[in-house]
Amino acid sequence: MKSTPDSSSANSILASIIIPTYNGSRRIGHCLDALRTQVAGRDIEIIVVDDGSTDDTAVVVTAYPEIRLITQANAGPAAARNRGAAVSRGKILFFTDDDCVPMPDWIDAMLAPFQDSQVVGAKGIYRTHQRSLAARFVQMEYEDKYRLMANLPNIDFIDTYSAGFLRDRFLEMNGYDTSFPVACAEDVELSYRMSSRGWLMKFVPQAIVYHTHPATFSSYLKKKYKFAFWRILAVRKNPAKGVKDSHTPQIMKLQLLFVPFLILSIFFDLLTGWRIHLSVIVVLAFLGSTLPFALRALKKDPLLGVLSPFLLAARSCAQMLGVGAGMAYVARHSRTQVVDAR
């Protein structure tokens, strides 16, 4: 059914689950099937925001009469999520993506931290059923980041695939920044802004959604480029988070320098002709930086452990290109609204 905003009913139920979608007819059904059994008989609604799809997404969603369908002209995932929040009735907002399949206890796990009245936000985790080498590597990356977050009393990074916020606080922050036109880093930017308020946000590893990761290394590297590109805008709007956040390993930032350092060291070697090649030292230093990750990977997936140094080198190249392009983008738009602080 198609719904319209009703501000008088805001905060009238426990929670709203918001799913933005664009041409998601082939995937969103799996997400809705996983959620509808969890909300049956409960004070929780599911809202799908169709962001101008040109396929049969609306047809698929209307097959679930208990789900609220909101349609809008294509405006991007940030705007779609904000639209869902605006028409929601729940005191707590949960977000997931149309390519995610939440586990049967996902809602209960996401609700748990909000029993503490001080908690404003919560974040769950990804898992995957895929067995391709690229997908296994992506999952290993995520698990390495989850390892860092596991014991933190407060986090500053909530991804949209498994996210929860107090509705009033979300609206107070004006939701996701719609200057991010694609599904990339708008969730990071909102998390950074919330963290700057000193609000308490929790990591919930029990809140699991299954996801289809990039299945090839070419698609993986394209994603890394894209993430790095848009992360620059998120950091531009929240400069303090460029130093450290709860999700990004510090060693990853150092590894970004591998590419420019290697290029400079090769030129240095060619110009000086020293017996001890600086480029060799740079490569050895990079390999040393990959060892902790490689050893952890080796215990879970021996092949990934062996290949990790090479895969991390490729990742650094893609990310460095994304950072460079992102910095150029920000520089070009530095006097326009796109990088104005909200």
Protein backbone atom coordinates (compact mmCIF):
# COMPACT_ATOMS: atom_id res chain seq x y z
CA MET A 1 0.00 0.00 0.00
CA LYS A 2 1.07 3.58 -0.55
CA SER A 3 1.45 5.73 2.54
CA THR A 4 1.65 9.45 3.19
CA PRO A 5 3.30 11.23 6.13
CA ASP A 6 1.28 11.49 9.32
CA SER A 7 3.20 13.53 11.89
CA SER A 8 0.50 13.02 14.50
CA SER A 9 1.37 9.31 14.69
CA ALA A 10 5.13 9.82 15.08
CA ASN A 11 6.68 7.76 17.91
CA SER A 12 3.39 5.89 18.33
CA ILE A 13 4.94 2.43 17.93
CA LEU A 14 8.16 0.79 19.09
CA ALA A 15 10.19 0.74 15.88
CA SER A 16 10.22 1.32 12.14
CA ILE A 17 12.43 -0.62 9.73
CA ILE A 18 13.32 1.47 6.67
CA ILE A 19 14.62 -0.04 3.44
CA PRO A 20 15.51 2.20 0.49
CA THR A 21 15.51 0.52 -2.90
CA TYR A 22 16.22 1.34 -6.50
CA ASN A 23 15.50 -1.30 -9.14
CA GLY A 24 15.63 -3.92 -6.41
CA SER A 25 12.94 -6.27 -7.71
CA ARG A 26 15.30 -9.25 -7.88
CA ARG A 27 16.67 -8.89 -4.37
CA ILE A 28 14.29 -7.08 -2.04
CA GLY A 29 11.92 -10.03 -1.66
CA HIS A 30 14.55 -12.01 0.25
CA CYS A 31 15.00 -9.08 2.64
CA LEU A 32 11.27 -8.67 3.21
CA ASP A 33 10.72 -12.40 3.73
CA ALA A 34 13.39 -12.36 6.45
CA LEU A 35 11.82 -9.36 8.20
CA ARG A 36 8.09 -10.02 7.97
CA THR A 37 8.27 -13.06 10.26
CA GLN A 38 10.18 -11.02 12.85
CA VAL A 39 7.62 -8.20 13.00
CA ALA A 40 4.47 -10.34 12.92
CA GLY A 41 2.26 -9.42 15.87
CA ARG A 42 4.71 -6.80 17.13
CA ASP A 43 4.59 -3.03 17.46
CA ILE A 44 7.02 -2.65 14.55
CA GLU A 45 6.45 -1.49 10.97
CA ILE A 46 8.42 -2.05 7.76
CA ILE A 47 8.72 0.85 5.31
CA VAL A 48 10.12 0.45 1.80
CA VAL A 49 11.04 3.65 -0.04
CA ASP A 50 11.12 3.09 -3.79
CA ASP A 51 13.58 5.67 -5.09
CA GLY A 52 12.22 6.00 -8.62
CA SER A 53 12.69 2.40 -9.74
CA THR A 54 12.07 1.58 -13.39
CA ASP A 55 11.66 -2.17 -12.85
CA ASP A 56 8.99 -4.17 -11.00
CA THR A 57 10.13 -3.25 -7.50
CA ALA A 58 6.75 -1.77 -6.56
CA VAL A 59 4.97 -4.89 -7.79
CA VAL A 60 7.17 -7.08 -5.60
CA VAL A 61 6.66 -4.92 -2.52
CA THR A 62 2.88 -4.62 -2.90
CA ALA A 63 2.71 -8.41 -2.65
CA TYR A 64 3.40 -7.82 1.06
CA PRO A 65 0.22 -6.00 2.20
CA GLU A 66 1.55 -5.38 5.70
CA ILE A 67 4.49 -3.36 4.38
CA ARG A 68 4.26 0.40 3.78
CA LEU A 69 5.45 1.40 0.31
CA ILE A 70 6.56 4.98 -0.28
CA THR A 71 7.41 6.06 -3.82
CA GLN A 72 9.42 9.08 -4.89
CA ALA A 73 11.33 10.40 -7.88
CA ASN A 74 14.92 9.22 -7.92
CA ALA A 75 16.86 11.29 -5.38
CA GLY A 76 19.48 8.89 -4.04
CA PRO A 77 19.61 6.52 -1.07
CA ALA A 78 20.24 9.23 1.53
CA ALA A 79 17.08 11.08 0.51
CA ALA A 80 15.14 7.80 0.39
CA ARG A 81 16.14 6.90 3.93
CA ASN A 82 15.27 10.38 5.14
CA ARG A 83 11.86 10.11 3.48
CA GLY A 84 11.23 6.85 5.26
CA ALA A 85 12.23 8.40 8.57
CA ALA A 86 9.93 11.37 7.99
CA VAL A 87 6.84 9.17 7.56
CA SER A 88 7.82 6.60 10.18
CA ARG A 89 5.90 6.04 13.41
CA GLY A 90 8.53 4.22 15.45
CA LYS A 91 10.44 5.57 18.42
CA ILE A 92 13.46 3.69 17.07
CA LEU A 93 14.51 3.65 13.42
CA PHE A 94 16.23 0.62 11.95
CA PHE A 95 17.84 0.67 8.53
CA THR A 96 18.98 -2.13 6.30
CA ASP A 97 19.62 -2.42 2.56
CA ASP A 98 17.59 -4.21 -0.08
CA ASP A 99 20.42 -6.68 -0.75
CA CYS A 100 20.63 -7.76 2.89
CA VAL A 101 18.92 -10.73 4.52
CA PRO A 102 18.64 -10.22 8.31
CA MET A 103 18.95 -13.22 10.59
CA PRO A 104 15.78 -14.32 12.46
CA ASP A 105 16.87 -12.60 15.68
CA TRP A 106 18.13 -9.40 14.02
CA ILE A 107 15.39 -7.13 15.35
CA ASP A 108 15.74 -8.41 18.91
CA ALA A 109 19.51 -7.97 18.75
CA MET A 110 19.16 -4.42 17.42
CA LEU A 111 16.58 -3.53 20.07
CA ALA A 112 18.72 -4.76 22.96
CA PRO A 113 21.13 -1.80 23.28
CA PHE A 114 18.24 0.68 23.31
CA GLN A 115 17.16 -0.67 26.69
CA ASP A 116 19.82 1.75 27.92
CA SER A 117 18.18 5.16 27.68
CA GLN A 118 21.55 6.77 26.95
CA VAL A 119 22.05 4.85 23.70
CA VAL A 120 21.31 6.85 20.56
CA GLY A 121 22.59 4.49 17.86
CA ALA A 122 23.58 0.88 17.21
CA LYS A 123 25.34 -1.09 14.49
CA GLY A 124 25.29 -4.76 13.50
CA ILE A 125 27.48 -6.85 11.22
CA TYR A 126 27.75 -8.44 7.78
CA ARG A 127 28.15 -12.10 6.97
CA THR A 128 28.06 -13.87 3.62
CA HIS A 129 27.36 -17.33 2.24
CA GLN A 130 29.64 -16.74 -0.76
CA ARG A 131 32.73 -18.83 -1.33
CA SER A 132 34.50 -16.88 -4.09
CA LEU A 133 37.98 -15.73 -3.13
CA ALA A 134 37.08 -12.06 -3.49
CA ALA A 135 33.98 -12.37 -1.29
CA ARG A 136 35.95 -14.28 1.35
CA PHE A 137 38.54 -11.52 1.39
CA VAL A 138 35.86 -8.84 1.76
CA GLN A 139 34.37 -10.74 4.70
CA MET A 140 37.81 -11.09 6.27
CA GLU A 141 38.26 -7.32 5.99
CA TYR A 142 34.98 -6.70 7.76
CA GLU A 143 35.79 -9.17 10.51
CA ASP A 144 39.11 -7.42 11.06
CA LYS A 145 37.24 -4.15 11.56
CA TYR A 146 34.68 -5.80 13.84
CA ARG A 147 37.56 -7.10 15.93
CA LEU A 148 38.62 -3.50 16.56
CA MET A 149 35.12 -2.42 17.55
CA ALA A 150 34.28 -5.41 19.74
CA ASN A 151 35.47 -4.02 23.06
CA LEU A 152 34.81 -0.32 22.51
CA PRO A 153 32.32 1.27 24.94
CA ASN A 154 31.26 3.76 22.25
CA ILE A 155 31.57 3.76 18.46
CA ASP A 156 31.41 6.50 15.84
CA PHE A 157 30.65 4.48 12.71
CA ILE A 158 27.22 3.00 11.89
CA ASP A 159 26.71 1.45 8.46
CA THR A 160 23.26 1.47 6.87
CA TYR A 161 23.18 -2.29 6.29
CA SER A 162 22.44 -2.86 10.00
CA ALA A 163 21.75 0.46 11.68
CA GLY A 164 19.55 1.73 14.47
CA PHE A 165 18.87 5.24 15.82
CA LEU A 166 16.49 6.97 18.16
CA ARG A 167 14.07 8.65 15.77
CA ASP A 168 14.10 12.01 17.54
CA ARG A 169 17.89 12.17 17.49
CA PHE A 170 18.03 11.12 13.84
CA LEU A 171 15.63 13.90 12.87
CA GLU A 172 17.46 16.37 15.08
CA MET A 173 20.53 15.74 12.90
CA ASN A 174 18.45 16.19 9.72
CA GLY A 175 19.17 12.58 8.82
CA TYR A 176 21.58 11.54 6.10
CA ASP A 177 23.38 14.18 4.08
CA THR A 178 21.77 14.22 0.63
CA SER A 179 24.83 15.80 -0.98
CA PHE A 180 26.09 12.20 -1.17
CA PRO A 181 24.36 11.08 -4.39
CA VAL A 182 25.21 7.39 -4.08
CA ALA A 183 25.11 4.75 -1.35
CA CYS A 184 28.57 5.49 -0.08
CA ALA A 185 29.86 7.34 3.02
CA GLU A 186 26.59 9.12 3.79
CA ASP A 187 26.24 6.72 6.72
CA VAL A 188 29.80 7.46 7.80
CA GLU A 189 29.16 11.19 7.70
CA LEU A 190 26.01 10.95 9.84
CA SER A 191 27.84 8.76 12.36
CA TYR A 192 30.64 11.30 12.59
CA ARG A 193 28.17 14.13 13.22
CA MET A 194 26.39 12.16 15.92
CA SER A 195 29.68 11.27 17.55
CA SER A 196 30.63 14.95 17.66
CA ARG A 197 27.61 15.48 19.93
CA GLY A 198 29.04 12.98 22.40
CA TRP A 199 26.11 10.61 21.92
CA LEU A 200 26.43 6.96 22.89
CA MET A 201 26.44 4.44 20.02
CA LYS A 202 26.94 0.71 20.42
CA PHE A 203 28.39 -2.14 18.38
CA VAL A 204 26.05 -5.16 18.31
CA PRO A 205 27.81 -8.18 16.76
CA GLN A 206 24.75 -10.35 17.42
CA ALA A 207 22.74 -8.28 14.89
CA ILE A 208 23.65 -10.13 11.70
CA VAL A 209 22.60 -9.56 8.11
CA TYR A 210 23.75 -11.73 5.23
CA HIS A 211 25.01 -9.87 2.19
CA THR A 212 26.30 -10.51 -1.32
CA HIS A 213 29.81 -9.08 -1.40
CA PRO A 214 31.74 -8.32 -4.61
CA ALA A 215 32.42 -11.68 -6.23
CA THR A 216 35.42 -10.59 -8.31
CA PHE A 217 38.51 -8.61 -7.45
CA SER A 218 37.81 -6.08 -10.20
CA SER A 219 34.42 -5.24 -8.64
CA TYR A 220 36.01 -5.23 -5.18
CA LEU A 221 38.70 -2.74 -6.23
CA LYS A 222 36.12 -0.51 -7.91
CA LYS A 223 34.22 -0.42 -4.62
CA LYS A 224 37.36 0.44 -2.69
CA TYR A 225 38.01 3.32 -5.07
CA LYS A 226 34.42 4.52 -4.64
CA PHE A 227 34.50 4.26 -0.85
CA ALA A 228 37.78 6.16 -0.64
CA PHE A 229 36.47 8.86 -2.99
CA TRP A 230 33.37 9.60 -0.94
CA ARG A 231 35.08 9.14 2.42
CA ILE A 232 37.10 12.25 1.59
CA LEU A 233 33.87 14.26 1.51
CA ALA A 234 32.76 12.76 4.83
CA VAL A 235 36.09 13.70 6.41
CA ARG A 236 36.00 17.15 4.80
CA LYS A 237 32.74 17.76 6.64
CA ASN A 238 34.11 16.23 9.89
CA PRO A 239 37.88 16.92 9.88
CA ALA A 240 38.57 15.50 13.34
CA LYS A 241 37.59 12.03 12.10
CA GLY A 242 40.36 12.06 9.52
CA VAL A 243 42.77 11.13 12.29
CA LYS A 244 40.90 8.19 13.77
CA ASP A 245 37.53 6.48 13.92
CA SER A 246 36.33 3.26 15.51
CA HIS A 247 35.97 1.35 12.24
CA THR A 248 39.10 2.07 10.20
CA PRO A 249 42.37 0.33 11.18
CA GLN A 250 45.15 2.89 11.54
CA ILE A 251 47.49 0.59 9.62
CA MET A 252 45.19 0.90 6.59
CA LYS A 253 45.83 4.63 6.51
CA LEU A 254 49.58 4.07 6.63
CA GLN A 255 49.30 1.53 3.83
CA LEU A 256 47.73 4.20 1.64
CA LEU A 257 51.12 5.89 1.58
CA PHE A 258 52.68 2.81 0.00
CA VAL A 259 51.86 3.87 -3.56
CA PRO A 260 53.27 7.43 -3.49
CA PHE A 261 56.25 6.32 -1.38
CA LEU A 262 57.06 3.51 -3.80
CA ILE A 263 56.88 5.84 -6.81
CA LEU A 264 59.10 8.41 -5.11
CA SER A 265 61.56 5.77 -3.96
CA ILE A 266 61.90 4.35 -7.48
CA PHE A 267 62.72 7.80 -8.82
CA PHE A 268 65.17 8.28 -5.96
CA ASP A 269 66.89 4.97 -6.76
CA LEU A 270 67.16 5.86 -10.44
CA LEU A 271 68.63 9.26 -9.66
CA THR A 272 71.10 8.23 -6.96
CA GLY A 273 72.15 4.74 -7.97
CA TRP A 274 72.65 3.72 -4.34
CA ARG A 275 73.46 0.09 -3.69
CA ILE A 276 70.73 -0.13 -1.07
CA HIS A 277 67.56 0.56 -3.00
CA LEU A 278 65.06 2.69 -1.12
CA SER A 279 62.24 1.10 -3.12
CA VAL A 280 63.16 -2.30 -1.67
CA ILE A 281 62.94 -0.87 1.84
CA VAL A 282 59.51 0.61 1.07
CA VAL A 283 58.24 -2.74 -0.25
CA LEU A 284 59.60 -4.61 2.77
CA ALA A 285 58.03 -2.08 5.13
CA PHE A 286 54.68 -2.52 3.40
CA LEU A 287 54.93 -6.31 3.59
CA GLY A 288 55.70 -6.00 7.29
CA SER A 289 52.60 -3.88 7.78
CA THR A 290 50.44 -6.61 6.23
CA LEU A 291 51.71 -9.41 8.46
CA PRO A 292 49.22 -9.02 11.36
CA PHE A 293 46.26 -9.20 8.98
CA ALA A 294 47.84 -12.02 6.96
CA LEU A 295 48.51 -14.10 10.07
CA ARG A 296 44.94 -13.66 11.31
CA ALA A 297 43.65 -14.59 7.87
CA LEU A 298 45.97 -17.59 7.69
CA LYS A 299 44.28 -19.14 10.73
CA LYS A 300 40.82 -18.93 9.15
CA ASP A 301 41.57 -19.23 5.45
CA PRO A 302 45.13 -20.33 4.55
CA LEU A 303 44.90 -19.29 0.89
CA LEU A 304 43.73 -15.81 1.83
CA GLY A 305 46.50 -15.57 4.38
CA VAL A 306 49.12 -16.28 1.72
CA LEU A 307 47.58 -13.89 -0.80
CA SER A 308 46.77 -11.11 1.67
CA PRO A 309 49.94 -9.00 1.14
CA PHE A 310 49.27 -8.83 -2.60
CA LEU A 311 45.56 -8.15 -2.15
CA LEU A 312 46.26 -5.44 0.40
CA ALA A 313 48.72 -3.84 -2.01
CA ALA A 314 46.05 -3.78 -4.72
CA ARG A 315 43.59 -2.35 -2.20
CA SER A 316 46.02 0.42 -1.29
CA CYS A 317 46.42 1.34 -4.95
CA ALA A 318 42.65 1.55 -5.49
CA GLN A 319 42.12 3.52 -2.30
CA MET A 320 44.93 5.95 -3.07
CA LEU A 321 43.44 6.65 -6.48
CA GLY A 322 40.06 7.19 -4.82
CA VAL A 323 41.56 9.53 -2.22
CA GLY A 324 43.28 11.55 -4.93
CA ALA A 325 40.13 11.82 -7.01
CA GLY A 326 38.07 12.64 -3.92
CA MET A 327 40.44 15.42 -2.90
CA ALA A 328 40.25 16.86 -6.42
CA TYR A 329 36.44 16.69 -6.26
CA VAL A 330 36.34 18.48 -2.91
CA ALA A 331 38.78 21.12 -4.15
CA ARG A 332 36.63 21.82 -7.22
CA HIS A 333 33.49 22.12 -5.10
CA SER A 334 35.01 23.76 -2.02
CA ARG A 335 33.03 26.96 -2.58
CA THR A 336 29.73 25.29 -3.33
CA GLN A 337 26.98 23.86 -1.20
CA VAL A 338 28.15 20.28 -1.64
CA VAL A 339 30.85 20.63 1.01
CA ASP A 340 29.18 23.16 3.28
CA ALA A 341 28.86 22.01 6.88
CA ARG A 342 25.28 21.12 7.65
